[in-house]
Amino acid sequence: MSNNFKIVLIASIFLLSVLLVFLFIVPNLSANTEISTAIEKERQDNKAFNETLKTLLSVRNEYYALSAEYQKYSLQLPSDNDISIFTNEVYDIANFSNVVIYSIDYSEKPDIGKEEEKSGKTTIEANLILQGSYYDVMNFVRTIERMPRIVIIKDIIIQSNEDDSESLSAYITAELYYEV
C-alpha cells in the first residue's frame, strides 16, 4: 500500500467520523441544550409559584386569624338582641352551678347619652332571682362573668331564708349588650 492510499484512507475515515459526529452527536447536543433550557425555565417557574404559594398561605392564615377574632367579638357583642340564647345559657349555668332560678326579667336600659348612640350598642338589664347555697351562687356569678358574651354584674343582694339557713336567695342585676 502506498502512502497516498493510506493518507486517503485516513482522511476518508476522519471525514466519515466528522460526518457521523455531525449527524448523530450534534442534533443530540442541541436537543439536550433545549431540554436543559426547558428545565431551567421550569425551575424558575417553580420558584415563582412557590413564592406565590407562600404569599397565598400567609394571606389565608391572616384571614383565618381575622375570622376567629371576628367570631370572638360577635359572641361578645352580638349583632341582634337574641335574649333566648342568653336565657338558655343562664339556665344551663344554673343547672351546672346547682342553683334554682325563679325569674329572669329583661328591660332595655334607657340611653344615658349620645355615646351609646355613636358606638352603636344597646344595653339590656337582666334581673335574676335565684336560690342556692352561698358557694353555688358565687359559682353561678363567676361563670356568668366568664361567658363569651359581655355580661357585667352590676348588683348582687344575698338574703338568707328563714326556713333554711343553708339556702340563700340572691337578687342579681346584670347588664348585657348588643350591636344595633
N, C-alpha and C. Protein backbone atom coordinates (compact mmCIF):
# COMPACT_ATOMS: atom_id res chain seq x y z
N MET A 1 0.83 -1.16 0.00
CA MET A 1 0.00 0.00 0.00
C MET A 1 0.88 1.23 0.00
N SER A 2 0.47 2.04 -0.80
CA SER A 2 1.28 3.25 -0.92
C SER A 2 0.85 4.27 0.12
N ASN A 3 1.74 5.20 0.28
CA ASN A 3 1.47 6.25 1.26
C ASN A 3 0.28 7.10 0.87
N ASN A 4 0.10 7.32 -0.36
CA ASN A 4 -1.04 8.13 -0.82
C ASN A 4 -2.37 7.44 -0.48
N PHE A 5 -2.37 6.13 -0.70
CA PHE A 5 -3.59 5.39 -0.40
C PHE A 5 -3.89 5.43 1.10
N LYS A 6 -2.86 5.32 1.92
CA LYS A 6 -3.03 5.35 3.37
C LYS A 6 -3.53 6.72 3.81
N ILE A 7 -3.00 7.76 3.19
CA ILE A 7 -3.43 9.12 3.54
C ILE A 7 -4.87 9.32 3.15
N VAL A 8 -5.25 8.85 1.97
CA VAL A 8 -6.64 8.99 1.52
C VAL A 8 -7.56 8.18 2.44
N LEU A 9 -7.13 7.00 2.82
CA LEU A 9 -7.94 6.16 3.69
C LEU A 9 -8.11 6.82 5.07
N ILE A 10 -7.04 7.36 5.61
CA ILE A 10 -7.11 8.03 6.91
C ILE A 10 -7.98 9.28 6.81
N ALA A 11 -7.82 10.03 5.72
CA ALA A 11 -8.63 11.24 5.52
C ALA A 11 -10.10 10.88 5.37
N SER A 12 -10.39 9.78 4.64
CA SER A 12 -11.80 9.39 4.47
C SER A 12 -12.39 8.90 5.80
N ILE A 13 -11.61 8.18 6.62
CA ILE A 13 -12.09 7.74 7.93
C ILE A 13 -12.31 8.96 8.83
N PHE A 14 -11.40 9.90 8.74
CA PHE A 14 -11.56 11.13 9.52
C PHE A 14 -12.82 11.89 9.10
N LEU A 15 -13.01 12.04 7.79
CA LEU A 15 -14.21 12.73 7.29
C LEU A 15 -15.48 11.97 7.66
N LEU A 16 -15.43 10.66 7.60
CA LEU A 16 -16.58 9.85 7.98
C LEU A 16 -16.89 10.02 9.47
N SER A 17 -15.84 10.08 10.28
CA SER A 17 -16.03 10.30 11.73
C SER A 17 -16.64 11.67 12.00
N VAL A 18 -16.13 12.68 11.29
CA VAL A 18 -16.67 14.03 11.46
C VAL A 18 -18.12 14.07 11.00
N LEU A 19 -18.40 13.40 9.89
CA LEU A 19 -19.78 13.36 9.38
C LEU A 19 -20.70 12.66 10.38
N LEU A 20 -20.24 11.57 10.97
CA LEU A 20 -21.05 10.86 11.97
C LEU A 20 -21.27 11.73 13.22
N VAL A 21 -20.26 12.46 13.61
CA VAL A 21 -20.41 13.37 14.75
C VAL A 21 -21.48 14.39 14.44
N PHE A 22 -21.43 14.98 13.28
CA PHE A 22 -22.43 15.99 12.92
C PHE A 22 -23.82 15.39 12.75
N LEU A 23 -23.89 14.16 12.26
CA LEU A 23 -25.21 13.55 12.04
C LEU A 23 -25.86 13.06 13.34
N PHE A 24 -25.08 12.53 14.26
CA PHE A 24 -25.68 11.92 15.45
C PHE A 24 -25.46 12.72 16.74
N ILE A 25 -24.31 13.23 16.93
CA ILE A 25 -23.98 13.86 18.21
C ILE A 25 -24.47 15.30 18.27
N VAL A 26 -24.29 16.08 17.23
CA VAL A 26 -24.70 17.49 17.27
C VAL A 26 -26.21 17.64 17.45
N PRO A 27 -27.07 16.87 16.72
CA PRO A 27 -28.51 17.01 16.99
C PRO A 27 -28.88 16.62 18.43
N ASN A 28 -28.20 15.60 18.95
CA ASN A 28 -28.47 15.23 20.35
C ASN A 28 -28.02 16.33 21.30
N LEU A 29 -26.91 16.96 21.00
CA LEU A 29 -26.45 18.06 21.83
C LEU A 29 -27.42 19.23 21.80
N SER A 30 -27.92 19.54 20.61
CA SER A 30 -28.89 20.65 20.52
C SER A 30 -30.19 20.28 21.25
N ALA A 31 -30.60 19.01 21.17
CA ALA A 31 -31.79 18.57 21.90
C ALA A 31 -31.54 18.65 23.40
N ASN A 32 -30.34 18.28 23.83
CA ASN A 32 -30.00 18.36 25.25
C ASN A 32 -29.97 19.80 25.72
N THR A 33 -29.47 20.71 24.92
CA THR A 33 -29.46 22.12 25.33
C THR A 33 -30.89 22.65 25.40
N GLU A 34 -31.77 22.22 24.49
CA GLU A 34 -33.17 22.63 24.56
C GLU A 34 -33.83 22.08 25.84
N ILE A 35 -33.53 20.84 26.17
CA ILE A 35 -34.09 20.23 27.37
C ILE A 35 -33.56 20.93 28.61
N SER A 36 -32.27 21.22 28.65
CA SER A 36 -31.72 21.90 29.82
C SER A 36 -32.28 23.32 29.94
N THR A 37 -32.53 24.00 28.81
CA THR A 37 -33.17 25.32 28.85
C THR A 37 -34.59 25.21 29.39
N ALA A 38 -35.31 24.18 28.94
CA ALA A 38 -36.69 23.97 29.43
C ALA A 38 -36.69 23.65 30.93
N ILE A 39 -35.71 22.85 31.36
CA ILE A 39 -35.62 22.51 32.79
C ILE A 39 -35.33 23.76 33.61
N GLU A 40 -34.42 24.60 33.13
CA GLU A 40 -34.10 25.84 33.86
C GLU A 40 -35.33 26.76 33.93
N LYS A 41 -36.07 26.85 32.82
CA LYS A 41 -37.29 27.67 32.82
C LYS A 41 -38.31 27.10 33.80
N GLU A 42 -38.42 25.77 33.85
CA GLU A 42 -39.34 25.11 34.79
C GLU A 42 -38.92 25.38 36.24
N ARG A 43 -37.64 25.40 36.52
CA ARG A 43 -37.16 25.71 37.87
C ARG A 43 -37.53 27.13 38.27
N GLN A 44 -37.35 28.06 37.34
CA GLN A 44 -37.70 29.45 37.63
C GLN A 44 -39.20 29.59 37.86
N ASP A 45 -39.99 28.93 37.02
CA ASP A 45 -41.45 28.96 37.21
C ASP A 45 -41.84 28.34 38.55
N ASN A 46 -41.19 27.24 38.90
CA ASN A 46 -41.47 26.57 40.16
C ASN A 46 -41.13 27.48 41.34
N LYS A 47 -40.01 28.18 41.24
CA LYS A 47 -39.61 29.10 42.31
C LYS A 47 -40.64 30.22 42.44
N ALA A 48 -41.10 30.76 41.31
CA ALA A 48 -42.11 31.83 41.34
C ALA A 48 -43.43 31.31 41.92
N PHE A 49 -43.82 30.09 41.54
CA PHE A 49 -45.05 29.51 42.06
C PHE A 49 -44.95 29.26 43.56
N ASN A 50 -43.78 28.81 44.03
CA ASN A 50 -43.59 28.59 45.46
C ASN A 50 -43.69 29.90 46.24
N GLU A 51 -43.14 30.97 45.70
CA GLU A 51 -43.26 32.28 46.36
C GLU A 51 -44.71 32.74 46.38
N THR A 52 -45.42 32.53 45.28
CA THR A 52 -46.84 32.88 45.23
C THR A 52 -47.64 32.04 46.23
N LEU A 53 -47.29 30.76 46.31
CA LEU A 53 -47.97 29.87 47.25
C LEU A 53 -47.73 30.32 48.69
N LYS A 54 -46.49 30.69 49.02
CA LYS A 54 -46.20 31.19 50.37
C LYS A 54 -46.99 32.44 50.67
N THR A 55 -47.09 33.34 49.71
CA THR A 55 -47.87 34.56 49.90
C THR A 55 -49.34 34.23 50.12
N LEU A 56 -49.88 33.33 49.31
CA LEU A 56 -51.29 32.95 49.46
C LEU A 56 -51.55 32.25 50.79
N LEU A 57 -50.61 31.41 51.24
CA LEU A 57 -50.77 30.75 52.53
C LEU A 57 -50.73 31.74 53.68
N SER A 58 -49.88 32.74 53.57
CA SER A 58 -49.84 33.75 54.64
C SER A 58 -51.12 34.58 54.63
N VAL A 59 -51.67 34.87 53.44
CA VAL A 59 -52.94 35.60 53.37
C VAL A 59 -54.06 34.74 53.95
N ARG A 60 -54.04 33.43 53.66
CA ARG A 60 -55.06 32.53 54.21
C ARG A 60 -54.97 32.47 55.73
N ASN A 61 -53.76 32.37 56.25
CA ASN A 61 -53.58 32.33 57.70
C ASN A 61 -54.06 33.63 58.35
N GLU A 62 -53.78 34.75 57.71
CA GLU A 62 -54.24 36.04 58.23
C GLU A 62 -55.77 36.10 58.19
N TYR A 63 -56.37 35.57 57.12
CA TYR A 63 -57.83 35.53 57.02
C TYR A 63 -58.42 34.69 58.16
N TYR A 64 -57.84 33.51 58.41
CA TYR A 64 -58.34 32.66 59.49
C TYR A 64 -58.22 33.34 60.84
N ALA A 65 -57.11 34.03 61.07
CA ALA A 65 -56.93 34.74 62.34
C ALA A 65 -57.97 35.85 62.49
N LEU A 66 -58.19 36.61 61.42
CA LEU A 66 -59.18 37.68 61.48
C LEU A 66 -60.60 37.11 61.63
N SER A 67 -60.87 36.01 60.97
CA SER A 67 -62.19 35.38 61.09
C SER A 67 -62.43 34.88 62.51
N ALA A 68 -61.41 34.29 63.12
CA ALA A 68 -61.55 33.82 64.50
C ALA A 68 -61.76 35.00 65.45
N GLU A 69 -61.04 36.08 65.21
CA GLU A 69 -61.21 37.27 66.05
C GLU A 69 -62.62 37.85 65.87
N TYR A 70 -63.11 37.86 64.64
CA TYR A 70 -64.47 38.35 64.39
C TYR A 70 -65.50 37.48 65.11
N GLN A 71 -65.32 36.15 65.04
CA GLN A 71 -66.25 35.25 65.72
C GLN A 71 -66.24 35.50 67.23
N LYS A 72 -65.05 35.74 67.77
CA LYS A 72 -64.95 36.01 69.22
C LYS A 72 -65.71 37.28 69.57
N TYR A 73 -65.51 38.34 68.78
CA TYR A 73 -66.18 39.60 69.08
C TYR A 73 -67.68 39.53 68.79
N SER A 74 -68.10 38.73 67.82
CA SER A 74 -69.54 38.62 67.57
C SER A 74 -70.23 37.86 68.69
N LEU A 75 -69.48 37.00 69.39
CA LEU A 75 -70.05 36.35 70.57
C LEU A 75 -70.13 37.33 71.74
N GLN A 76 -69.11 38.17 71.87
CA GLN A 76 -69.09 39.11 72.97
C GLN A 76 -70.14 40.20 72.79
N LEU A 77 -70.32 40.65 71.58
CA LEU A 77 -71.26 41.73 71.30
C LEU A 77 -72.11 41.32 70.10
N PRO A 78 -73.17 40.55 70.33
CA PRO A 78 -73.98 40.05 69.20
C PRO A 78 -74.59 41.19 68.40
N SER A 79 -74.94 40.87 67.16
CA SER A 79 -75.50 41.90 66.29
C SER A 79 -77.00 42.05 66.45
N ASP A 80 -77.63 41.16 67.18
CA ASP A 80 -79.07 41.32 67.42
C ASP A 80 -79.39 40.95 68.86
N ASN A 81 -80.57 41.34 69.27
CA ASN A 81 -80.99 41.15 70.65
C ASN A 81 -81.66 39.78 70.77
N ASP A 82 -80.87 38.72 70.79
CA ASP A 82 -81.41 37.38 70.88
C ASP A 82 -81.34 36.93 72.34
N ILE A 83 -82.33 37.33 73.09
CA ILE A 83 -82.37 37.06 74.53
C ILE A 83 -82.56 35.57 74.80
N SER A 84 -83.20 34.84 73.89
CA SER A 84 -83.46 33.42 74.14
C SER A 84 -82.15 32.64 74.27
N ILE A 85 -81.14 32.99 73.49
CA ILE A 85 -79.84 32.31 73.60
C ILE A 85 -79.23 32.59 74.96
N PHE A 86 -79.26 33.86 75.37
CA PHE A 86 -78.71 34.22 76.68
C PHE A 86 -79.48 33.51 77.79
N THR A 87 -80.81 33.46 77.68
CA THR A 87 -81.64 32.80 78.69
C THR A 87 -81.30 31.31 78.78
N ASN A 88 -81.15 30.66 77.65
CA ASN A 88 -80.78 29.24 77.65
C ASN A 88 -79.42 29.03 78.31
N GLU A 89 -78.47 29.91 78.01
CA GLU A 89 -77.14 29.79 78.62
C GLU A 89 -77.22 29.99 80.13
N VAL A 90 -78.03 30.95 80.58
CA VAL A 90 -78.17 31.20 82.01
C VAL A 90 -78.78 29.98 82.71
N TYR A 91 -79.78 29.39 82.11
CA TYR A 91 -80.38 28.20 82.72
C TYR A 91 -79.40 27.02 82.74
N ASP A 92 -78.58 26.89 81.69
CA ASP A 92 -77.55 25.84 81.68
C ASP A 92 -76.52 26.07 82.78
N ILE A 93 -76.12 27.32 82.95
CA ILE A 93 -75.15 27.66 84.00
C ILE A 93 -75.77 27.41 85.39
N ALA A 94 -77.04 27.74 85.54
CA ALA A 94 -77.73 27.50 86.82
C ALA A 94 -77.78 26.00 87.11
N ASN A 95 -78.07 25.20 86.10
CA ASN A 95 -78.06 23.75 86.27
C ASN A 95 -76.69 23.26 86.71
N PHE A 96 -75.66 23.76 86.05
CA PHE A 96 -74.29 23.39 86.37
C PHE A 96 -73.90 23.84 87.79
N SER A 97 -74.36 25.03 88.17
CA SER A 97 -73.98 25.61 89.47
C SER A 97 -74.87 25.13 90.60
N ASN A 98 -75.89 24.36 90.30
CA ASN A 98 -76.79 23.82 91.31
C ASN A 98 -77.58 24.92 92.03
N VAL A 99 -78.06 25.90 91.26
CA VAL A 99 -78.95 26.93 91.81
C VAL A 99 -80.28 26.85 91.05
N VAL A 100 -81.31 27.37 91.69
CA VAL A 100 -82.64 27.38 91.08
C VAL A 100 -82.98 28.81 90.71
N ILE A 101 -83.33 29.03 89.45
CA ILE A 101 -83.73 30.37 89.01
C ILE A 101 -85.25 30.47 89.11
N TYR A 102 -85.70 31.51 89.84
CA TYR A 102 -87.14 31.73 89.97
C TYR A 102 -87.65 32.68 88.91
N SER A 103 -86.85 33.66 88.54
CA SER A 103 -87.31 34.55 87.48
C SER A 103 -86.13 35.28 86.85
N ILE A 104 -86.33 35.64 85.58
CA ILE A 104 -85.40 36.49 84.85
C ILE A 104 -86.26 37.55 84.16
N ASP A 105 -85.99 38.80 84.47
CA ASP A 105 -86.71 39.90 83.84
C ASP A 105 -85.72 40.73 83.04
N TYR A 106 -86.09 41.04 81.81
CA TYR A 106 -85.24 41.86 80.95
C TYR A 106 -85.89 43.21 80.73
N SER A 107 -85.05 44.23 80.68
CA SER A 107 -85.56 45.55 80.32
C SER A 107 -84.45 46.29 79.58
N GLU A 108 -84.85 47.00 78.54
CA GLU A 108 -83.86 47.77 77.79
C GLU A 108 -83.53 49.00 78.60
N LYS A 109 -82.26 49.22 78.80
CA LYS A 109 -81.81 50.33 79.61
C LYS A 109 -81.87 51.61 78.77
N PRO A 110 -82.43 52.70 79.34
CA PRO A 110 -82.51 53.94 78.56
C PRO A 110 -81.12 54.50 78.30
N ASP A 111 -80.98 55.17 77.12
CA ASP A 111 -79.71 55.79 76.76
C ASP A 111 -79.37 56.91 77.72
N ILE A 112 -78.14 56.87 78.21
CA ILE A 112 -77.69 57.90 79.14
C ILE A 112 -77.19 59.12 78.37
N GLY A 113 -76.58 58.89 77.27
CA GLY A 113 -76.03 60.00 76.48
C GLY A 113 -75.90 59.59 75.03
N LYS A 114 -75.22 60.40 74.31
CA LYS A 114 -75.04 60.14 72.89
C LYS A 114 -73.90 59.15 72.64
N GLU A 115 -73.15 58.76 73.67
CA GLU A 115 -72.02 57.85 73.49
C GLU A 115 -72.49 56.50 72.96
N GLU A 116 -73.56 55.97 73.55
CA GLU A 116 -74.05 54.67 73.10
C GLU A 116 -74.60 54.75 71.68
N GLU A 117 -75.21 55.87 71.34
CA GLU A 117 -75.75 56.04 70.00
C GLU A 117 -74.62 56.05 68.98
N LYS A 118 -73.52 56.71 69.34
CA LYS A 118 -72.37 56.77 68.44
C LYS A 118 -71.70 55.40 68.34
N SER A 119 -71.61 54.68 69.44
CA SER A 119 -70.93 53.38 69.42
C SER A 119 -71.79 52.30 68.77
N GLY A 120 -73.10 52.50 68.68
CA GLY A 120 -73.98 51.54 68.03
C GLY A 120 -74.33 50.35 68.88
N LYS A 121 -74.27 50.47 70.20
CA LYS A 121 -74.63 49.36 71.06
C LYS A 121 -75.77 49.76 71.98
N THR A 122 -76.55 48.78 72.37
CA THR A 122 -77.68 48.98 73.26
C THR A 122 -77.48 48.09 74.48
N THR A 123 -77.91 48.60 75.63
CA THR A 123 -77.76 47.88 76.89
C THR A 123 -79.09 47.29 77.32
N ILE A 124 -79.03 46.05 77.77
CA ILE A 124 -80.21 45.38 78.32
C ILE A 124 -79.88 45.02 79.75
N GLU A 125 -80.82 45.30 80.64
CA GLU A 125 -80.63 44.97 82.05
C GLU A 125 -81.40 43.69 82.34
N ALA A 126 -80.74 42.76 83.00
CA ALA A 126 -81.37 41.49 83.37
C ALA A 126 -81.41 41.40 84.89
N ASN A 127 -82.59 41.16 85.42
CA ASN A 127 -82.76 40.98 86.87
C ASN A 127 -83.09 39.52 87.11
N LEU A 128 -82.24 38.85 87.88
CA LEU A 128 -82.41 37.43 88.15
C LEU A 128 -82.70 37.23 89.64
N ILE A 129 -83.61 36.32 89.92
CA ILE A 129 -83.88 35.90 91.29
C ILE A 129 -83.60 34.40 91.32
N LEU A 130 -82.69 34.01 92.22
CA LEU A 130 -82.32 32.61 92.28
C LEU A 130 -82.07 32.18 93.70
N GLN A 131 -81.96 30.88 93.89
CA GLN A 131 -81.78 30.34 95.23
C GLN A 131 -80.77 29.20 95.17
N GLY A 132 -79.89 29.17 96.20
CA GLY A 132 -78.88 28.12 96.29
C GLY A 132 -77.98 28.41 97.47
N SER A 133 -77.00 27.55 97.67
CA SER A 133 -76.05 27.79 98.75
C SER A 133 -75.13 28.94 98.35
N TYR A 134 -74.41 29.48 99.34
CA TYR A 134 -73.54 30.63 99.07
C TYR A 134 -72.52 30.29 97.98
N TYR A 135 -71.87 29.14 98.11
CA TYR A 135 -70.84 28.76 97.15
C TYR A 135 -71.42 28.50 95.76
N ASP A 136 -72.62 27.94 95.71
CA ASP A 136 -73.27 27.70 94.42
C ASP A 136 -73.63 29.03 93.75
N VAL A 137 -74.13 29.99 94.53
CA VAL A 137 -74.47 31.30 93.98
C VAL A 137 -73.21 32.00 93.47
N MET A 138 -72.13 31.92 94.25
CA MET A 138 -70.87 32.55 93.82
C MET A 138 -70.31 31.88 92.57
N ASN A 139 -70.44 30.57 92.48
CA ASN A 139 -70.02 29.84 91.29
C ASN A 139 -70.85 30.28 90.08
N PHE A 140 -72.14 30.46 90.28
CA PHE A 140 -73.03 30.94 89.22
C PHE A 140 -72.58 32.32 88.73
N VAL A 141 -72.31 33.22 89.67
CA VAL A 141 -71.91 34.60 89.30
C VAL A 141 -70.59 34.58 88.54
N ARG A 142 -69.61 33.80 89.04
CA ARG A 142 -68.30 33.73 88.35
C ARG A 142 -68.45 33.18 86.94
N THR A 143 -69.30 32.18 86.79
CA THR A 143 -69.49 31.58 85.47
C THR A 143 -70.19 32.56 84.53
N ILE A 144 -71.17 33.30 85.03
CA ILE A 144 -71.85 34.31 84.20
C ILE A 144 -70.85 35.37 83.74
N GLU A 145 -69.97 35.78 84.63
CA GLU A 145 -68.98 36.80 84.27
C GLU A 145 -67.99 36.30 83.23
N ARG A 146 -67.79 35.00 83.14
CA ARG A 146 -66.83 34.43 82.18
C ARG A 146 -67.47 34.01 80.87
N MET A 147 -68.72 34.31 80.68
CA MET A 147 -69.38 33.97 79.43
C MET A 147 -68.69 34.67 78.27
N PRO A 148 -68.77 34.10 77.06
CA PRO A 148 -68.17 34.78 75.91
C PRO A 148 -68.86 36.13 75.62
N ARG A 149 -70.14 36.20 75.89
CA ARG A 149 -70.87 37.45 75.68
C ARG A 149 -70.52 38.42 76.81
N ILE A 150 -70.44 39.69 76.49
CA ILE A 150 -70.10 40.68 77.51
C ILE A 150 -71.30 40.81 78.46
N VAL A 151 -71.08 40.40 79.71
CA VAL A 151 -72.09 40.50 80.76
C VAL A 151 -71.40 41.12 81.96
N ILE A 152 -71.99 42.19 82.45
CA ILE A 152 -71.43 42.87 83.62
C ILE A 152 -72.42 42.74 84.76
N ILE A 153 -71.96 42.16 85.86
CA ILE A 153 -72.79 42.05 87.06
C ILE A 153 -72.73 43.39 87.77
N LYS A 154 -73.88 44.05 87.87
CA LYS A 154 -73.92 45.39 88.47
C LYS A 154 -74.25 45.35 89.97
N ASP A 155 -75.08 44.40 90.38
CA ASP A 155 -75.52 44.40 91.77
C ASP A 155 -75.89 42.98 92.18
N ILE A 156 -75.54 42.63 93.41
CA ILE A 156 -75.92 41.34 93.98
C ILE A 156 -76.44 41.59 95.40
N ILE A 157 -77.61 41.07 95.68
CA ILE A 157 -78.16 41.11 97.03
C ILE A 157 -78.42 39.67 97.43
N ILE A 158 -77.83 39.27 98.56
CA ILE A 158 -77.98 37.91 99.05
C ILE A 158 -78.69 37.96 100.40
N GLN A 159 -79.75 37.17 100.51
CA GLN A 159 -80.51 37.10 101.76
C GLN A 159 -80.63 35.66 102.18
N SER A 160 -80.62 35.46 103.48
CA SER A 160 -80.83 34.10 103.98
C SER A 160 -82.34 33.87 104.11
N ASN A 161 -82.72 32.64 103.92
CA ASN A 161 -84.14 32.28 104.05
C ASN A 161 -84.42 31.93 105.50
N GLU A 162 -85.61 32.25 105.93
CA GLU A 162 -85.98 31.97 107.32
C GLU A 162 -86.11 30.46 107.56
N ASP A 163 -86.57 29.75 106.56
CA ASP A 163 -86.80 28.32 106.71
C ASP A 163 -85.50 27.51 106.71
N ASP A 164 -84.60 27.86 105.80
CA ASP A 164 -83.39 27.06 105.60
C ASP A 164 -82.18 27.98 105.64
N SER A 165 -81.30 27.77 106.61
CA SER A 165 -80.15 28.68 106.75
C SER A 165 -79.08 28.41 105.70
N GLU A 166 -79.05 27.21 105.11
CA GLU A 166 -78.04 26.92 104.09
C GLU A 166 -78.44 27.47 102.74
N SER A 167 -79.71 27.61 102.49
CA SER A 167 -80.18 28.10 101.21
C SER A 167 -80.36 29.61 101.26
N LEU A 168 -79.79 30.28 100.27
CA LEU A 168 -79.86 31.74 100.20
C LEU A 168 -80.62 32.17 98.96
N SER A 169 -81.28 33.31 99.08
CA SER A 169 -81.90 33.93 97.91
C SER A 169 -80.97 35.01 97.40
N ALA A 170 -80.81 35.08 96.09
CA ALA A 170 -79.92 36.08 95.50
C ALA A 170 -80.69 36.86 94.46
N TYR A 171 -80.51 38.18 94.50
CA TYR A 171 -81.10 39.08 93.50
C TYR A 171 -79.93 39.69 92.75
N ILE A 172 -79.83 39.36 91.48
CA ILE A 172 -78.68 39.78 90.68
C ILE A 172 -79.16 40.70 89.56
N THR A 173 -78.45 41.83 89.43
CA THR A 173 -78.71 42.73 88.31
C THR A 173 -77.48 42.69 87.40
N ALA A 174 -77.71 42.37 86.13
CA ALA A 174 -76.63 42.27 85.17
C ALA A 174 -76.96 43.10 83.93
N GLU A 175 -75.91 43.57 83.27
CA GLU A 175 -76.09 44.29 82.01
C GLU A 175 -75.45 43.48 80.89
N LEU A 176 -76.16 43.40 79.77
CA LEU A 176 -75.60 42.77 78.58
C LEU A 176 -75.84 43.70 77.41
N TYR A 177 -75.03 43.54 76.39
CA TYR A 177 -75.03 44.49 75.28
C TYR A 177 -75.26 43.75 73.97
N TYR A 178 -75.75 44.52 73.01
CA TYR A 178 -75.79 44.03 71.63
C TYR A 178 -75.65 45.21 70.70
N GLU A 179 -75.16 44.91 69.49
CA GLU A 179 -74.96 45.97 68.50
C GLU A 179 -76.25 46.23 67.75
N VAL A 180 -76.49 47.49 67.51
CA VAL A 180 -77.69 47.87 66.77
C VAL A 180 -77.43 47.80 65.29
